[in-house]
Amino acid sequence: MRVESRFVPEQSNPERGGWLFAYTVRISNQSGTTVQLISRHWVITDANGETEEVRGPGVVGAQPVLRPGETFEYTSACPLGTAFGTMHGTYQMVTDAGEQFDAEIAAFSLSTPYGLN
């Protein structure tokens, strides 16, 4: 799994305490079995230590099925009340045999370039 984030200045309003960050996630099935992404759980923490949890079915309206070797990529966004923060979480997955497991998404940063605020 690979995640890249970026600041979206054209949709941010720092004067009013609003920063928007886009993130792109690339999920690759490196196992020998077909899996499906069922739901997501994100933990978003801003620079003040305030935490928000987001849970829901699938990602960007999809519950992708990945056969061995297949990849799924999507882009979404996260508003923050501070110029930087972090996200981490899990995807709840199920194999074609019905076995459920969590795929961990390591923490990644959401930050403005050059410390802009």
PDB file of N, CA and C in Angstrom:
ATOM      1  N   MET A   1       0.849  -1.166   0.000  1.00  0.00           N
ATOM      2  CA  MET A   1       0.000   0.000   0.000  1.00  0.00           C
ATOM      3  C   MET A   1       0.898   1.232   0.000  1.00  0.00           C
ATOM      4  N   ARG A   2       0.530   2.202  -0.840  1.00  0.00           N
ATOM      5  CA  ARG A   2       1.302   3.442  -0.911  1.00  0.00           C
ATOM      6  C   ARG A   2       0.332   4.615  -0.795  1.00  0.00           C
ATOM      7  N   VAL A   3       0.712   5.624  -0.010  1.00  0.00           N
ATOM      8  CA  VAL A   3      -0.118   6.811   0.159  1.00  0.00           C
ATOM      9  C   VAL A   3       0.737   8.049  -0.096  1.00  0.00           C
ATOM     10  N   GLU A   4       0.192   8.964  -0.889  1.00  0.00           N
ATOM     11  CA  GLU A   4       0.831  10.258  -1.124  1.00  0.00           C
ATOM     12  C   GLU A   4      -0.185  11.337  -0.812  1.00  0.00           C
ATOM     13  N   SER A   5       0.244  12.370  -0.093  1.00  0.00           N
ATOM     14  CA  SER A   5      -0.670  13.467   0.242  1.00  0.00           C
ATOM     15  C   SER A   5      -0.123  14.779  -0.302  1.00  0.00           C
ATOM     16  N   ARG A   6      -1.049  15.741  -0.477  1.00  0.00           N
ATOM     17  CA  ARG A   6      -0.626  17.059  -0.928  1.00  0.00           C
ATOM     18  C   ARG A   6      -1.611  18.105  -0.423  1.00  0.00           C
ATOM     19  N   PHE A   7      -1.110  19.281  -0.206  1.00  0.00           N
ATOM     20  CA  PHE A   7      -1.900  20.437   0.193  1.00  0.00           C
ATOM     21  C   PHE A   7      -2.637  20.965  -1.033  1.00  0.00           C
ATOM     22  N   VAL A   8      -3.903  21.374  -0.860  1.00  0.00           N
ATOM     23  CA  VAL A   8      -4.714  21.898  -1.959  1.00  0.00           C
ATOM     24  C   VAL A   8      -5.021  23.370  -1.664  1.00  0.00           C
ATOM     25  N   PRO A   9      -4.093  24.290  -2.031  1.00  0.00           N
ATOM     26  CA  PRO A   9      -4.271  25.696  -1.659  1.00  0.00           C
ATOM     27  C   PRO A   9      -5.508  26.346  -2.258  1.00  0.00           C
ATOM     28  N   GLU A  10      -5.881  25.954  -3.482  1.00  0.00           N
ATOM     29  CA  GLU A  10      -7.023  26.581  -4.134  1.00  0.00           C
ATOM     30  C   GLU A  10      -8.359  26.251  -3.465  1.00  0.00           C
ATOM     31  N   GLN A  11      -8.378  25.243  -2.595  1.00  0.00           N
ATOM     32  CA  GLN A  11      -9.602  24.905  -1.870  1.00  0.00           C
ATOM     33  C   GLN A  11      -9.431  25.070  -0.361  1.00  0.00           C
ATOM     34  N   SER A  12      -8.393  25.804   0.036  1.00  0.00           N
ATOM     35  CA  SER A  12      -8.123  26.061   1.452  1.00  0.00           C
ATOM     36  C   SER A  12      -8.382  27.527   1.761  1.00  0.00           C
ATOM     37  N   ASN A  13      -8.645  27.796   3.041  1.00  0.00           N
ATOM     38  CA  ASN A  13      -8.855  29.167   3.490  1.00  0.00           C
ATOM     39  C   ASN A  13      -8.206  29.335   4.858  1.00  0.00           C
ATOM     40  N   PRO A  14      -6.857  29.477   4.888  1.00  0.00           N
ATOM     41  CA  PRO A  14      -6.143  29.577   6.164  1.00  0.00           C
ATOM     42  C   PRO A  14      -6.626  30.731   7.050  1.00  0.00           C
ATOM     43  N   GLU A  15      -7.065  31.830   6.433  1.00  0.00           N
ATOM     44  CA  GLU A  15      -7.541  32.975   7.225  1.00  0.00           C
ATOM     45  C   GLU A  15      -8.746  32.595   8.075  1.00  0.00           C
ATOM     46  N   ARG A  16      -9.494  31.609   7.624  1.00  0.00           N
ATOM     47  CA  ARG A  16     -10.676  31.150   8.367  1.00  0.00           C
ATOM     48  C   ARG A  16     -10.441  29.794   9.033  1.00  0.00           C
ATOM     49  N   GLY A  17      -9.186  29.382   9.109  1.00  0.00           N
ATOM     50  CA  GLY A  17      -8.850  28.131   9.795  1.00  0.00           C
ATOM     51  C   GLY A  17      -9.224  26.879   9.029  1.00  0.00           C
ATOM     52  N   GLY A  18      -9.077  26.918   7.702  1.00  0.00           N
ATOM     53  CA  GLY A  18      -9.423  25.751   6.901  1.00  0.00           C
ATOM     54  C   GLY A  18      -8.334  25.391   5.905  1.00  0.00           C
ATOM     55  N   TRP A  19      -7.810  24.188   6.021  1.00  0.00           N
ATOM     56  CA  TRP A  19      -6.803  23.664   5.101  1.00  0.00           C
ATOM     57  C   TRP A  19      -7.340  22.369   4.519  1.00  0.00           C
ATOM     58  N   LEU A  20      -7.185  22.197   3.219  1.00  0.00           N
ATOM     59  CA  LEU A  20      -7.641  20.968   2.576  1.00  0.00           C
ATOM     60  C   LEU A  20      -6.432  20.209   2.034  1.00  0.00           C
ATOM     61  N   PHE A  21      -6.431  18.918   2.293  1.00  0.00           N
ATOM     62  CA  PHE A  21      -5.361  18.038   1.832  1.00  0.00           C
ATOM     63  C   PHE A  21      -5.967  16.909   1.011  1.00  0.00           C
ATOM     64  N   ALA A  22      -5.368  16.623  -0.123  1.00  0.00           N
ATOM     65  CA  ALA A  22      -5.762  15.477  -0.936  1.00  0.00           C
ATOM     66  C   ALA A  22      -4.780  14.352  -0.658  1.00  0.00           C
ATOM     67  N   TYR A  23      -5.252  13.129  -0.746  1.00  0.00           N
ATOM     68  CA  TYR A  23      -4.361  11.982  -0.596  1.00  0.00           C
ATOM     69  C   TYR A  23      -4.753  10.916  -1.616  1.00  0.00           C
ATOM     70  N   THR A  24      -3.739  10.269  -2.159  1.00  0.00           N
ATOM     71  CA  THR A  24      -3.932   9.198  -3.130  1.00  0.00           C
ATOM     72  C   THR A  24      -3.414   7.906  -2.529  1.00  0.00           C
ATOM     73  N   VAL A  25      -4.258   6.879  -2.552  1.00  0.00           N
ATOM     74  CA  VAL A  25      -3.903   5.579  -1.990  1.00  0.00           C
ATOM     75  C   VAL A  25      -3.838   4.570  -3.135  1.00  0.00           C
ATOM     76  N   ARG A  26      -2.781   3.795  -3.145  1.00  0.00           N
ATOM     77  CA  ARG A  26      -2.620   2.716  -4.134  1.00  0.00           C
ATOM     78  C   ARG A  26      -2.560   1.409  -3.351  1.00  0.00           C
ATOM     79  N   ILE A  27      -3.559   0.560  -3.578  1.00  0.00           N
ATOM     80  CA  ILE A  27      -3.680  -0.723  -2.892  1.00  0.00           C
ATOM     81  C   ILE A  27      -3.310  -1.822  -3.876  1.00  0.00           C
ATOM     82  N   SER A  28      -2.374  -2.673  -3.496  1.00  0.00           N
ATOM     83  CA  SER A  28      -1.958  -3.784  -4.360  1.00  0.00           C
ATOM     84  C   SER A  28      -2.192  -5.094  -3.636  1.00  0.00           C
ATOM     85  N   ASN A  29      -2.811  -6.044  -4.322  1.00  0.00           N
ATOM     86  CA  ASN A  29      -3.020  -7.377  -3.748  1.00  0.00           C
ATOM     87  C   ASN A  29      -1.806  -8.236  -4.080  1.00  0.00           C
ATOM     88  N   GLN A  30      -0.962  -8.435  -3.079  1.00  0.00           N
ATOM     89  CA  GLN A  30       0.247  -9.224  -3.269  1.00  0.00           C
ATOM     90  C   GLN A  30       0.090 -10.645  -2.732  1.00  0.00           C
ATOM     91  N   SER A  31      -1.154 -11.013  -2.441  1.00  0.00           N
ATOM     92  CA  SER A  31      -1.415 -12.370  -1.946  1.00  0.00           C
ATOM     93  C   SER A  31      -1.777 -13.289  -3.111  1.00  0.00           C
ATOM     94  N   GLY A  32      -2.032 -14.528  -2.805  1.00  0.00           N
ATOM     95  CA  GLY A  32      -2.403 -15.485  -3.827  1.00  0.00           C
ATOM     96  C   GLY A  32      -3.908 -15.711  -3.920  1.00  0.00           C
ATOM     97  N   THR A  33      -4.682 -14.866  -3.233  1.00  0.00           N
ATOM     98  CA  THR A  33      -6.136 -15.034  -3.226  1.00  0.00           C
ATOM     99  C   THR A  33      -6.832 -13.706  -3.534  1.00  0.00           C
ATOM    100  N   THR A  34      -8.048 -13.781  -4.029  1.00  0.00           N
ATOM    101  CA  THR A  34      -8.830 -12.588  -4.326  1.00  0.00           C
ATOM    102  C   THR A  34      -9.354 -11.987  -3.021  1.00  0.00           C
ATOM    103  N   VAL A  35      -9.301 -10.660  -2.914  1.00  0.00           N
ATOM    104  CA  VAL A  35      -9.784  -9.960  -1.721  1.00  0.00           C
ATOM    105  C   VAL A  35     -10.695  -8.806  -2.131  1.00  0.00           C
ATOM    106  N   GLN A  36     -11.557  -8.401  -1.200  1.00  0.00           N
ATOM    107  CA  GLN A  36     -12.413  -7.248  -1.433  1.00  0.00           C
ATOM    108  C   GLN A  36     -12.297  -6.297  -0.261  1.00  0.00           C
ATOM    109  N   LEU A  37     -12.201  -5.000  -0.573  1.00  0.00           N
ATOM    110  CA  LEU A  37     -12.188  -3.965   0.447  1.00  0.00           C
ATOM    111  C   LEU A  37     -13.648  -3.681   0.813  1.00  0.00           C
ATOM    112  N   ILE A  38     -14.004  -3.926   2.065  1.00  0.00           N
ATOM    113  CA  ILE A  38     -15.384  -3.793   2.519  1.00  0.00           C
ATOM    114  C   ILE A  38     -15.642  -2.420   3.147  1.00  0.00           C
ATOM    115  N   SER A  39     -14.742  -1.982   4.030  1.00  0.00           N
ATOM    116  CA  SER A  39     -14.957  -0.712   4.725  1.00  0.00           C
ATOM    117  C   SER A  39     -13.618  -0.101   5.135  1.00  0.00           C
ATOM    118  N   ARG A  40     -13.709   1.135   5.626  1.00  0.00           N
ATOM    119  CA  ARG A  40     -12.513   1.866   6.029  1.00  0.00           C
ATOM    120  C   ARG A  40     -12.699   2.452   7.423  1.00  0.00           C
ATOM    121  N   HIS A  41     -11.580   2.689   8.077  1.00  0.00           N
ATOM    122  CA  HIS A  41     -11.540   3.378   9.363  1.00  0.00           C
ATOM    123  C   HIS A  41     -10.304   4.268   9.376  1.00  0.00           C
ATOM    124  N   TRP A  42     -10.517   5.581   9.394  1.00  0.00           N
ATOM    125  CA  TRP A  42      -9.421   6.544   9.431  1.00  0.00           C
ATOM    126  C   TRP A  42      -9.382   7.235  10.785  1.00  0.00           C
ATOM    127  N   VAL A  43      -8.182   7.511  11.264  1.00  0.00           N
ATOM    128  CA  VAL A  43      -7.977   8.336  12.449  1.00  0.00           C
ATOM    129  C   VAL A  43      -7.180   9.551  11.979  1.00  0.00           C
ATOM    130  N   ILE A  44      -7.785  10.729  12.105  1.00  0.00           N
ATOM    131  CA  ILE A  44      -7.192  11.978  11.625  1.00  0.00           C
ATOM    132  C   ILE A  44      -6.871  12.841  12.838  1.00  0.00           C
ATOM    133  N   THR A  45      -5.623  13.285  12.933  1.00  0.00           N
ATOM    134  CA  THR A  45      -5.182  14.089  14.070  1.00  0.00           C
ATOM    135  C   THR A  45      -4.605  15.399  13.561  1.00  0.00           C
ATOM    136  N   ASP A  46      -5.104  16.525  14.108  1.00  0.00           N
ATOM    137  CA  ASP A  46      -4.578  17.820  13.667  1.00  0.00           C
ATOM    138  C   ASP A  46      -3.408  18.242  14.550  1.00  0.00           C
ATOM    139  N   ALA A  47      -2.845  19.416  14.268  1.00  0.00           N
ATOM    140  CA  ALA A  47      -1.659  19.896  14.977  1.00  0.00           C
ATOM    141  C   ALA A  47      -1.931  20.192  16.449  1.00  0.00           C
ATOM    142  N   ASN A  48      -3.200  20.344  16.833  1.00  0.00           N
ATOM    143  CA  ASN A  48      -3.561  20.588  18.230  1.00  0.00           C
ATOM    144  C   ASN A  48      -3.824  19.302  18.992  1.00  0.00           C
ATOM    145  N   GLY A  49      -3.661  18.160  18.326  1.00  0.00           N
ATOM    146  CA  GLY A  49      -3.907  16.879  18.967  1.00  0.00           C
ATOM    147  C   GLY A  49      -5.367  16.464  18.943  1.00  0.00           C
ATOM    148  N   GLU A  50      -6.216  17.247  18.272  1.00  0.00           N
ATOM    149  CA  GLU A  50      -7.629  16.893  18.139  1.00  0.00           C
ATOM    150  C   GLU A  50      -7.744  15.727  17.163  1.00  0.00           C
ATOM    151  N   THR A  51      -8.518  14.719  17.542  1.00  0.00           N
ATOM    152  CA  THR A  51      -8.645  13.517  16.731  1.00  0.00           C
ATOM    153  C   THR A  51     -10.081  13.340  16.249  1.00  0.00           C
ATOM    154  N   GLU A  52     -10.205  12.938  14.987  1.00  0.00           N
ATOM    155  CA  GLU A  52     -11.499  12.609  14.405  1.00  0.00           C
ATOM    156  C   GLU A  52     -11.386  11.221  13.789  1.00  0.00           C
ATOM    157  N   GLU A  53     -12.419  10.410  13.982  1.00  0.00           N
ATOM    158  CA  GLU A  53     -12.442   9.086  13.375  1.00  0.00           C
ATOM    159  C   GLU A  53     -13.506   9.053  12.296  1.00  0.00           C
ATOM    160  N   VAL A  54     -13.161   8.446  11.160  1.00  0.00           N
ATOM    161  CA  VAL A  54     -14.087   8.323  10.038  1.00  0.00           C
ATOM    162  C   VAL A  54     -14.217   6.847   9.699  1.00  0.00           C
ATOM    163  N   ARG A  55     -15.445   6.371   9.665  1.00  0.00           N
ATOM    164  CA  ARG A  55     -15.729   4.983   9.308  1.00  0.00           C
ATOM    165  C   ARG A  55     -16.785   4.973   8.218  1.00  0.00           C
ATOM    166  N   GLY A  56     -16.699   3.996   7.333  1.00  0.00           N
ATOM    167  CA  GLY A  56     -17.724   3.899   6.310  1.00  0.00           C
ATOM    168  C   GLY A  56     -17.469   2.745   5.369  1.00  0.00           C
ATOM    169  N   PRO A  57     -18.473   2.442   4.547  1.00  0.00           N
ATOM    170  CA  PRO A  57     -18.315   1.356   3.580  1.00  0.00           C
ATOM    171  C   PRO A  57     -17.379   1.758   2.450  1.00  0.00           C
ATOM    172  N   GLY A  58     -16.522   0.851   2.052  1.00  0.00           N
ATOM    173  CA  GLY A  58     -15.653   1.066   0.893  1.00  0.00           C
ATOM    174  C   GLY A  58     -14.833   2.339   0.940  1.00  0.00           C
ATOM    175  N   VAL A  59     -14.397   2.753  -0.239  1.00  0.00           N
ATOM    176  CA  VAL A  59     -13.637   4.001  -0.413  1.00  0.00           C
ATOM    177  C   VAL A  59     -14.166   4.694  -1.660  1.00  0.00           C
ATOM    178  N   VAL A  60     -14.368   5.980  -1.596  1.00  0.00           N
ATOM    179  CA  VAL A  60     -14.907   6.794  -2.698  1.00  0.00           C
ATOM    180  C   VAL A  60     -16.068   6.095  -3.423  1.00  0.00           C
ATOM    181  N   GLY A  61     -16.980   5.522  -2.649  1.00  0.00           N
ATOM    182  CA  GLY A  61     -18.153   4.883  -3.228  1.00  0.00           C
ATOM    183  C   GLY A  61     -17.925   3.512  -3.843  1.00  0.00           C
ATOM    184  N   ALA A  62     -16.749   2.939  -3.650  1.00  0.00           N
ATOM    185  CA  ALA A  62     -16.436   1.634  -4.247  1.00  0.00           C
ATOM    186  C   ALA A  62     -16.009   0.635  -3.176  1.00  0.00           C
ATOM    187  N   GLN A  63     -16.278  -0.626  -3.451  1.00  0.00           N
ATOM    188  CA  GLN A  63     -15.779  -1.736  -2.638  1.00  0.00           C
ATOM    189  C   GLN A  63     -15.021  -2.658  -3.594  1.00  0.00           C
ATOM    190  N   PRO A  64     -13.807  -2.227  -3.962  1.00  0.00           N
ATOM    191  CA  PRO A  64     -13.086  -2.929  -5.032  1.00  0.00           C
ATOM    192  C   PRO A  64     -12.714  -4.371  -4.689  1.00  0.00           C
ATOM    193  N   VAL A  65     -12.799  -5.216  -5.719  1.00  0.00           N
ATOM    194  CA  VAL A  65     -12.345  -6.604  -5.643  1.00  0.00           C
ATOM    195  C   VAL A  65     -11.006  -6.666  -6.368  1.00  0.00           C
ATOM    196  N   LEU A  66     -10.003  -7.198  -5.681  1.00  0.00           N
ATOM    197  CA  LEU A  66      -8.657  -7.287  -6.249  1.00  0.00           C
ATOM    198  C   LEU A  66      -8.226  -8.741  -6.359  1.00  0.00           C
ATOM    199  N   ARG A  67      -7.997  -9.168  -7.564  1.00  0.00           N
ATOM    200  CA  ARG A  67      -7.447 -10.506  -7.783  1.00  0.00           C
ATOM    201  C   ARG A  67      -5.942 -10.444  -7.502  1.00  0.00           C
ATOM    202  N   PRO A  68      -5.296 -11.581  -7.327  1.00  0.00           N
ATOM    203  CA  PRO A  68      -3.848 -11.560  -7.084  1.00  0.00           C
ATOM    204  C   PRO A  68      -3.118 -10.735  -8.148  1.00  0.00           C
ATOM    205  N   GLY A  69      -2.275  -9.826  -7.674  1.00  0.00           N
ATOM    206  CA  GLY A  69      -1.496  -8.984  -8.575  1.00  0.00           C
ATOM    207  C   GLY A  69      -2.190  -7.710  -9.026  1.00  0.00           C
ATOM    208  N   GLU A  70      -3.482  -7.565  -8.751  1.00  0.00           N
ATOM    209  CA  GLU A  70      -4.205  -6.364  -9.188  1.00  0.00           C
ATOM    210  C   GLU A  70      -4.015  -5.207  -8.219  1.00  0.00           C
ATOM    211  N   THR A  71      -4.233  -3.995  -8.742  1.00  0.00           N
ATOM    212  CA  THR A  71      -4.053  -2.768  -7.975  1.00  0.00           C
ATOM    213  C   THR A  71      -5.283  -1.885  -8.134  1.00  0.00           C
ATOM    214  N   PHE A  72      -5.610  -1.153  -7.094  1.00  0.00           N
ATOM    215  CA  PHE A  72      -6.692  -0.165  -7.123  1.00  0.00           C
ATOM    216  C   PHE A  72      -6.127   1.138  -6.561  1.00  0.00           C
ATOM    217  N   GLU A  73      -6.403   2.241  -7.235  1.00  0.00           N
ATOM    218  CA  GLU A  73      -5.904   3.540  -6.783  1.00  0.00           C
ATOM    219  C   GLU A  73      -7.054   4.530  -6.751  1.00  0.00           C
ATOM    220  N   TYR A  74      -7.078   5.359  -5.713  1.00  0.00           N
ATOM    221  CA  TYR A  74      -8.105   6.392  -5.618  1.00  0.00           C
ATOM    222  C   TYR A  74      -7.544   7.625  -4.933  1.00  0.00           C
ATOM    223  N   THR A  75      -8.234   8.746  -5.134  1.00  0.00           N
ATOM    224  CA  THR A  75      -7.860   9.998  -4.483  1.00  0.00           C
ATOM    225  C   THR A  75      -9.064  10.525  -3.721  1.00  0.00           C
ATOM    226  N   SER A  76      -8.819  10.992  -2.524  1.00  0.00           N
ATOM    227  CA  SER A  76      -9.850  11.593  -1.694  1.00  0.00           C
ATOM    228  C   SER A  76      -9.257  12.826  -1.021  1.00  0.00           C
ATOM    229  N   ALA A  77     -10.013  13.443  -0.128  1.00  0.00           N
ATOM    230  CA  ALA A  77      -9.533  14.668   0.514  1.00  0.00           C
ATOM    231  C   ALA A  77      -9.904  14.681   1.989  1.00  0.00           C
ATOM    232  N   CYS A  78      -9.166  15.509   2.731  1.00  0.00           N
ATOM    233  CA  CYS A  78      -9.363  15.629   4.164  1.00  0.00           C
ATOM    234  C   CYS A  78      -9.235  17.097   4.565  1.00  0.00           C
ATOM    235  N   PRO A  79     -10.286  17.704   5.116  1.00  0.00           N
ATOM    236  CA  PRO A  79     -10.166  19.066   5.626  1.00  0.00           C
ATOM    237  C   PRO A  79      -9.575  19.035   7.036  1.00  0.00           C
ATOM    238  N   LEU A  80      -8.747  20.022   7.341  1.00  0.00           N
ATOM    239  CA  LEU A  80      -8.175  20.140   8.686  1.00  0.00           C
ATOM    240  C   LEU A  80      -8.348  21.576   9.165  1.00  0.00           C
ATOM    241  N   GLY A  81      -8.368  21.747  10.476  1.00  0.00           N
ATOM    242  CA  GLY A  81      -8.430  23.074  11.074  1.00  0.00           C
ATOM    243  C   GLY A  81      -7.057  23.628  11.385  1.00  0.00           C
ATOM    244  N   THR A  82      -6.004  22.893  11.020  1.00  0.00           N
ATOM    245  CA  THR A  82      -4.631  23.349  11.242  1.00  0.00           C
ATOM    246  C   THR A  82      -3.819  23.090   9.963  1.00  0.00           C
ATOM    247  N   ALA A  83      -2.638  23.699   9.889  1.00  0.00           N
ATOM    248  CA  ALA A  83      -1.810  23.614   8.687  1.00  0.00           C
ATOM    249  C   ALA A  83      -1.100  22.274   8.533  1.00  0.00           C
ATOM    250  N   PHE A  84      -1.150  21.437   9.546  1.00  0.00           N
ATOM    251  CA  PHE A  84      -0.585  20.097   9.412  1.00  0.00           C
ATOM    252  C   PHE A  84      -1.256  19.135  10.375  1.00  0.00           C
ATOM    253  N   GLY A  85      -1.111  17.844  10.056  1.00  0.00           N
ATOM    254  CA  GLY A  85      -1.671  16.788  10.872  1.00  0.00           C
ATOM    255  C   GLY A  85      -1.234  15.447  10.324  1.00  0.00           C
ATOM    256  N   THR A  86      -1.888  14.390  10.799  1.00  0.00           N
ATOM    257  CA  THR A  86      -1.569  13.041  10.330  1.00  0.00           C
ATOM    258  C   THR A  86      -2.852  12.240  10.146  1.00  0.00           C
ATOM    259  N   MET A  87      -2.742  11.186   9.356  1.00  0.00           N
ATOM    260  CA  MET A  87      -3.816  10.212   9.183  1.00  0.00           C
ATOM    261  C   MET A  87      -3.224   8.818   9.254  1.00  0.00           C
ATOM    262  N   HIS A  88      -3.979   7.894   9.794  1.00  0.00           N
ATOM    263  CA  HIS A  88      -3.650   6.474   9.714  1.00  0.00           C
ATOM    264  C   HIS A  88      -4.957   5.696   9.865  1.00  0.00           C
ATOM    265  N   GLY A  89      -4.915   4.411   9.557  1.00  0.00           N
ATOM    266  CA  GLY A  89      -6.149   3.655   9.687  1.00  0.00           C
ATOM    267  C   GLY A  89      -6.042   2.234   9.205  1.00  0.00           C
ATOM    268  N   THR A  90      -7.218   1.671   8.888  1.00  0.00           N
ATOM    269  CA  THR A  90      -7.295   0.297   8.407  1.00  0.00           C
ATOM    270  C   THR A  90      -8.378   0.182   7.342  1.00  0.00           C
ATOM    271  N   TYR A  91      -8.184  -0.766   6.461  1.00  0.00           N
ATOM    272  CA  TYR A  91      -9.219  -1.201   5.534  1.00  0.00           C
ATOM    273  C   TYR A  91      -9.653  -2.576   6.010  1.00  0.00           C
ATOM    274  N   GLN A  92     -10.954  -2.770   6.115  1.00  0.00           N
ATOM    275  CA  GLN A  92     -11.480  -4.075   6.472  1.00  0.00           C
ATOM    276  C   GLN A  92     -11.672  -4.835   5.157  1.00  0.00           C
ATOM    277  N   MET A  93     -11.004  -5.978   5.066  1.00  0.00           N
ATOM    278  CA  MET A  93     -10.957  -6.772   3.842  1.00  0.00           C
ATOM    279  C   MET A  93     -11.591  -8.131   4.084  1.00  0.00           C
ATOM    280  N   VAL A  94     -12.011  -8.781   2.991  1.00  0.00           N
ATOM    281  CA  VAL A  94     -12.516 -10.145   3.067  1.00  0.00           C
ATOM    282  C   VAL A  94     -11.979 -10.917   1.861  1.00  0.00           C
ATOM    283  N   THR A  95     -11.550 -12.150   2.112  1.00  0.00           N
ATOM    284  CA  THR A  95     -11.049 -12.991   1.019  1.00  0.00           C
ATOM    285  C   THR A  95     -12.227 -13.660   0.316  1.00  0.00           C
ATOM    286  N   ASP A  96     -11.964 -14.245  -0.846  1.00  0.00           N
ATOM    287  CA  ASP A  96     -13.033 -14.949  -1.556  1.00  0.00           C
ATOM    288  C   ASP A  96     -13.507 -16.185  -0.788  1.00  0.00           C
ATOM    289  N   ALA A  97     -12.743 -16.620   0.222  1.00  0.00           N
ATOM    290  CA  ALA A  97     -13.146 -17.732   1.087  1.00  0.00           C
ATOM    291  C   ALA A  97     -13.947 -17.251   2.298  1.00  0.00           C
ATOM    292  N   GLY A  98     -14.156 -15.918   2.400  1.00  0.00           N
ATOM    293  CA  GLY A  98     -14.945 -15.370   3.495  1.00  0.00           C
ATOM    294  C   GLY A  98     -14.160 -14.996   4.732  1.00  0.00           C
ATOM    295  N   GLU A  99     -12.832 -15.108   4.694  1.00  0.00           N
ATOM    296  CA  GLU A  99     -12.011 -14.745   5.854  1.00  0.00           C
ATOM    297  C   GLU A  99     -11.822 -13.231   5.894  1.00  0.00           C
ATOM    298  N   GLN A 100     -12.064 -12.630   7.053  1.00  0.00           N
ATOM    299  CA  GLN A 100     -11.929 -11.188   7.199  1.00  0.00           C
ATOM    300  C   GLN A 100     -10.594 -10.847   7.855  1.00  0.00           C
ATOM    301  N   PHE A 101     -10.023  -9.708   7.441  1.00  0.00           N
ATOM    302  CA  PHE A 101      -8.796  -9.223   8.064  1.00  0.00           C
ATOM    303  C   PHE A 101      -8.705  -7.718   7.862  1.00  0.00           C
ATOM    304  N   ASP A 102      -7.869  -7.072   8.666  1.00  0.00           N
ATOM    305  CA  ASP A 102      -7.632  -5.639   8.542  1.00  0.00           C
ATOM    306  C   ASP A 102      -6.303  -5.393   7.855  1.00  0.00           C
ATOM    307  N   ALA A 103      -6.307  -4.511   6.879  1.00  0.00           N
ATOM    308  CA  ALA A 103      -5.072  -4.066   6.226  1.00  0.00           C
ATOM    309  C   ALA A 103      -4.720  -2.712   6.837  1.00  0.00           C
ATOM    310  N   GLU A 104      -3.577  -2.638   7.485  1.00  0.00           N
ATOM    311  CA  GLU A 104      -3.153  -1.425   8.176  1.00  0.00           C
ATOM    312  C   GLU A 104      -2.623  -0.375   7.199  1.00  0.00           C
ATOM    313  N   ILE A 105      -2.980   0.878   7.430  1.00  0.00           N
ATOM    314  CA  ILE A 105      -2.426   1.999   6.669  1.00  0.00           C
ATOM    315  C   ILE A 105      -1.568   2.797   7.658  1.00  0.00           C
ATOM    316  N   ALA A 106      -0.275   2.797   7.440  1.00  0.00           N
ATOM    317  CA  ALA A 106       0.652   3.496   8.336  1.00  0.00           C
ATOM    318  C   ALA A 106       0.374   4.991   8.317  1.00  0.00           C
ATOM    319  N   ALA A 107       0.735   5.663   9.391  1.00  0.00           N
ATOM    320  CA  ALA A 107       0.530   7.101   9.493  1.00  0.00           C
ATOM    321  C   ALA A 107       1.262   7.838   8.377  1.00  0.00           C
ATOM    322  N   PHE A 108       0.599   8.841   7.828  1.00  0.00           N
ATOM    323  CA  PHE A 108       1.211   9.727   6.839  1.00  0.00           C
ATOM    324  C   PHE A 108       0.848  11.153   7.191  1.00  0.00           C
ATOM    325  N   SER A 109       1.682  12.086   6.744  1.00  0.00           N
ATOM    326  CA  SER A 109       1.486  13.477   7.141  1.00  0.00           C
ATOM    327  C   SER A 109       0.624  14.242   6.145  1.00  0.00           C
ATOM    328  N   LEU A 110      -0.073  15.209   6.680  1.00  0.00           N
ATOM    329  CA  LEU A 110      -0.831  16.188   5.922  1.00  0.00           C
ATOM    330  C   LEU A 110      -0.187  17.518   6.302  1.00  0.00           C
ATOM    331  N   SER A 111       0.509  18.151   5.361  1.00  0.00           N
ATOM    332  CA  SER A 111       1.207  19.390   5.737  1.00  0.00           C
ATOM    333  C   SER A 111       1.322  20.335   4.568  1.00  0.00           C
ATOM    334  N   THR A 112       1.298  21.605   4.913  1.00  0.00           N
ATOM    335  CA  THR A 112       1.501  22.633   3.903  1.00  0.00           C
ATOM    336  C   THR A 112       2.979  22.717   3.576  1.00  0.00           C
ATOM    337  N   PRO A 113       3.325  23.088   2.362  1.00  0.00           N
ATOM    338  CA  PRO A 113       4.752  23.196   2.025  1.00  0.00           C
ATOM    339  C   PRO A 113       5.400  24.391   2.738  1.00  0.00           C
ATOM    340  N   TYR A 114       6.602  24.223   3.144  1.00  0.00           N
ATOM    341  CA  TYR A 114       7.393  25.304   3.736  1.00  0.00           C
ATOM    342  C   TYR A 114       6.766  25.900   4.977  1.00  0.00           C
ATOM    343  N   GLY A 115       5.918  25.129   5.666  1.00  0.00           N
ATOM    344  CA  GLY A 115       5.328  25.609   6.906  1.00  0.00           C
ATOM    345  C   GLY A 115       4.345  26.741   6.741  1.00  0.00           C
ATOM    346  N   LEU A 116       3.710  26.847   5.591  1.00  0.00           N
ATOM    347  CA  LEU A 116       2.711  27.899   5.375  1.00  0.00           C
ATOM    348  C   LEU A 116       1.555  27.724   6.344  1.00  0.00           C
ATOM    349  N   ASN A 117       1.015  28.826   6.813  1.00  0.00           N
ATOM    350  CA  ASN A 117      -0.183  28.724   7.669  1.00  0.00           C
ATOM    351  C   ASN A 117      -1.045  29.939   7.519  1.00  0.00           C
TER     352      ASN A 117
END
